[in-house]
Amino acid sequence: MKVVNEKGKLFGIINVVDLVVLVVIIAVIAALGSQLFGHKVTDAVSPQVDLTAEVVIIGAAPRLYNEVERQDLVGEKMVAGNAFLDAYVEDVWFEDYVVQAVTDDGTIVDAKDPTKKDIVFKLKAKVAEDTASPKVGSQELRAGKTFIVKTQTFECSGTVRYVQIGEEK
């Protein structure tokens, strides 16, 4: 039996060109499925652990920290796009905003800004235990990175200053 017969059919069953087109279509569908659903499969297979992070909005103006205080965001679920996440704001507190100032004699000293405050958010989420890139929604969480704290009624960019995966130490 010939591999390709006189009609151009592979093993007498399917045309070689049709087979190539079919393989390409299957490869495209597999690639799209992997992109769309790959992280969901990983999340389902890998055990989930707690992630704790602190995000600080440095030097927030009074109108912003007054709004955070008014809204009482503790317990609010985080949002990505138009969906709620398995993450929430565990705590919010304010710290003095420290700036460097030059004195009359030229010495540089730390001074508390009289009006601005740092707003610190403690976030909790679930992530895969063995993840190389911990994420909340589509945002990676690593110390030093910018992170958008987004709830149903609040959104502002801050800087991640602490990340702990697993039990808090």
Foldseek 3Di string as FASTA:
>chain_A
DDQADPVCAGVPPHHPVVVVVVVVVVVVVVVVCCVVCVVVVVPVVFDKAKKKWKWKAAFDFQVVVVVCVVVVQAPFFFDDDHDTFQKGFNDKDKAFHWDWDADPVGDIDIDTDPGTIMIMTMMMHMDGQPDPFDDTHPDTADAQDWDWGHGPPDTDITGIHDMDTHDDD
